[in-house]
Amino acid sequence: MTAKELGKILNEMYTNAPKKEQVTMIYLFGIKYHNEIETIGNREVVEASGINTSYTAEISKALRLAKYVRLIK
């Protein structure tokens, strides 16, 4: 997956998040795609998404959480 593809997914998750849950969706994105993000770099993904680059810190937190979290459907 490319930075552009991940950026598009991040942008969609952020934009379509329920009110006051945008940061939660950023964490979910970071946890779900942590392997791909670590390969590409979180700053590149956030820049490709078009959301505020200050959210790079939130992606970093999600990447650290990923090893402790298992997503269920």
C-alpha atoms as a PDB file:
ATOM      1  CA  MET A   1       0.000   0.000   0.000  1.00  0.00           C
ATOM      2  CA  THR A   2       1.285   3.493  -0.805  1.00  0.00           C
ATOM      3  CA  ALA A   3       1.303   6.648   1.306  1.00  0.00           C
ATOM      4  CA  LYS A   4      -1.322   8.077  -1.033  1.00  0.00           C
ATOM      5  CA  GLU A   5      -3.640   5.071  -0.555  1.00  0.00           C
ATOM      6  CA  LEU A   6      -3.216   5.130   3.218  1.00  0.00           C
ATOM      7  CA  GLY A   7      -3.707   8.893   3.229  1.00  0.00           C
ATOM      8  CA  LYS A   8      -6.988   8.506   1.397  1.00  0.00           C
ATOM      9  CA  ILE A   9      -8.211   5.927   3.928  1.00  0.00           C
ATOM     10  CA  LEU A  10      -7.152   8.132   6.844  1.00  0.00           C
ATOM     11  CA  ASN A  11      -8.876  11.147   5.336  1.00  0.00           C
ATOM     12  CA  GLU A  12     -12.100   9.193   4.822  1.00  0.00           C
ATOM     13  CA  MET A  13     -12.057   7.789   8.355  1.00  0.00           C
ATOM     14  CA  TYR A  14     -11.394  11.249   9.806  1.00  0.00           C
ATOM     15  CA  THR A  15     -13.939  13.046   7.625  1.00  0.00           C
ATOM     16  CA  ASN A  16     -16.704  10.471   8.138  1.00  0.00           C
ATOM     17  CA  ALA A  17     -16.147  10.048  11.880  1.00  0.00           C
ATOM     18  CA  PRO A  18     -19.087  10.680  14.186  1.00  0.00           C
ATOM     19  CA  LYS A  19     -19.050  14.086  15.854  1.00  0.00           C
ATOM     20  CA  LYS A  20     -16.246  14.386  18.439  1.00  0.00           C
ATOM     21  CA  GLU A  21     -14.749  11.020  17.419  1.00  0.00           C
ATOM     22  CA  GLN A  22     -12.227  12.153  14.810  1.00  0.00           C
ATOM     23  CA  VAL A  23      -9.221  11.425  17.032  1.00  0.00           C
ATOM     24  CA  THR A  24     -10.676   8.030  17.918  1.00  0.00           C
ATOM     25  CA  MET A  25     -10.793   7.227  14.214  1.00  0.00           C
ATOM     26  CA  ILE A  26      -7.171   8.321  13.860  1.00  0.00           C
ATOM     27  CA  TYR A  27      -6.222   5.853  16.604  1.00  0.00           C
ATOM     28  CA  LEU A  28      -8.270   3.123  14.957  1.00  0.00           C
ATOM     29  CA  PHE A  29      -6.591   3.817  11.628  1.00  0.00           C
ATOM     30  CA  GLY A  30      -3.134   3.693  13.215  1.00  0.00           C
ATOM     31  CA  ILE A  31      -3.864   0.417  14.953  1.00  0.00           C
ATOM     32  CA  LYS A  32      -5.466  -1.195  11.921  1.00  0.00           C
ATOM     33  CA  TYR A  33      -2.753  -0.208   9.441  1.00  0.00           C
ATOM     34  CA  HIS A  34       0.253  -0.125  11.774  1.00  0.00           C
ATOM     35  CA  ASN A  35       2.412  -2.460   9.673  1.00  0.00           C
ATOM     36  CA  GLU A  36       1.911  -0.432   6.510  1.00  0.00           C
ATOM     37  CA  ILE A  37       2.388   2.891   8.310  1.00  0.00           C
ATOM     38  CA  GLU A  38       5.630   1.753   9.944  1.00  0.00           C
ATOM     39  CA  THR A  39       6.976   0.783   6.521  1.00  0.00           C
ATOM     40  CA  ILE A  40       6.083   4.115   4.904  1.00  0.00           C
ATOM     41  CA  GLY A  41       6.307   6.536   7.833  1.00  0.00           C
ATOM     42  CA  ASN A  42       3.547   8.188   9.788  1.00  0.00           C
ATOM     43  CA  ARG A  43       4.417  11.736   8.700  1.00  0.00           C
ATOM     44  CA  GLU A  44       4.197  10.773   5.026  1.00  0.00           C
ATOM     45  CA  VAL A  45       0.808   9.150   5.547  1.00  0.00           C
ATOM     46  CA  VAL A  46      -0.610  12.126   7.454  1.00  0.00           C
ATOM     47  CA  GLU A  47       0.719  14.551   4.835  1.00  0.00           C
ATOM     48  CA  ALA A  48      -0.858  12.435   2.073  1.00  0.00           C
ATOM     49  CA  SER A  49      -4.186  12.479   3.924  1.00  0.00           C
ATOM     50  CA  GLY A  50      -4.534  16.243   3.878  1.00  0.00           C
ATOM     51  CA  ILE A  51      -5.495  16.424   7.566  1.00  0.00           C
ATOM     52  CA  ASN A  52      -3.566  18.627   9.982  1.00  0.00           C
ATOM     53  CA  THR A  53       0.031  17.431  10.362  1.00  0.00           C
ATOM     54  CA  SER A  54      -0.268  17.790  14.148  1.00  0.00           C
ATOM     55  CA  TYR A  55      -2.127  14.461  14.031  1.00  0.00           C
ATOM     56  CA  THR A  56       1.196  12.762  13.302  1.00  0.00           C
ATOM     57  CA  ALA A  57       1.619  12.549  17.095  1.00  0.00           C
ATOM     58  CA  GLU A  58      -1.706  10.728  17.414  1.00  0.00           C
ATOM     59  CA  ILE A  59      -0.662   8.222  14.757  1.00  0.00           C
ATOM     60  CA  SER A  60       2.566   7.643  16.719  1.00  0.00           C
ATOM     61  CA  LYS A  61       0.529   6.871  19.830  1.00  0.00           C
ATOM     62  CA  ALA A  62      -1.674   4.464  17.871  1.00  0.00           C
ATOM     63  CA  LEU A  63       1.392   2.655  16.513  1.00  0.00           C
ATOM     64  CA  ARG A  64       2.640   2.103  20.061  1.00  0.00           C
ATOM     65  CA  LEU A  65      -0.798   0.865  21.133  1.00  0.00           C
ATOM     66  CA  ALA A  66      -1.080  -1.538  18.199  1.00  0.00           C
ATOM     67  CA  LYS A  67       1.017  -4.239  19.827  1.00  0.00           C
ATOM     68  CA  TYR A  68      -1.425  -4.365  22.753  1.00  0.00           C
ATOM     69  CA  VAL A  69      -4.687  -4.233  20.793  1.00  0.00           C
ATOM     70  CA  ARG A  70      -6.510  -6.811  18.711  1.00  0.00           C
ATOM     71  CA  LEU A  71      -9.287  -5.575  16.460  1.00  0.00           C
ATOM     72  CA  ILE A  72     -12.515  -7.515  16.403  1.00  0.00           C
ATOM     73  CA  LYS A  73     -15.403  -7.128  14.038  1.00  0.00           C
END
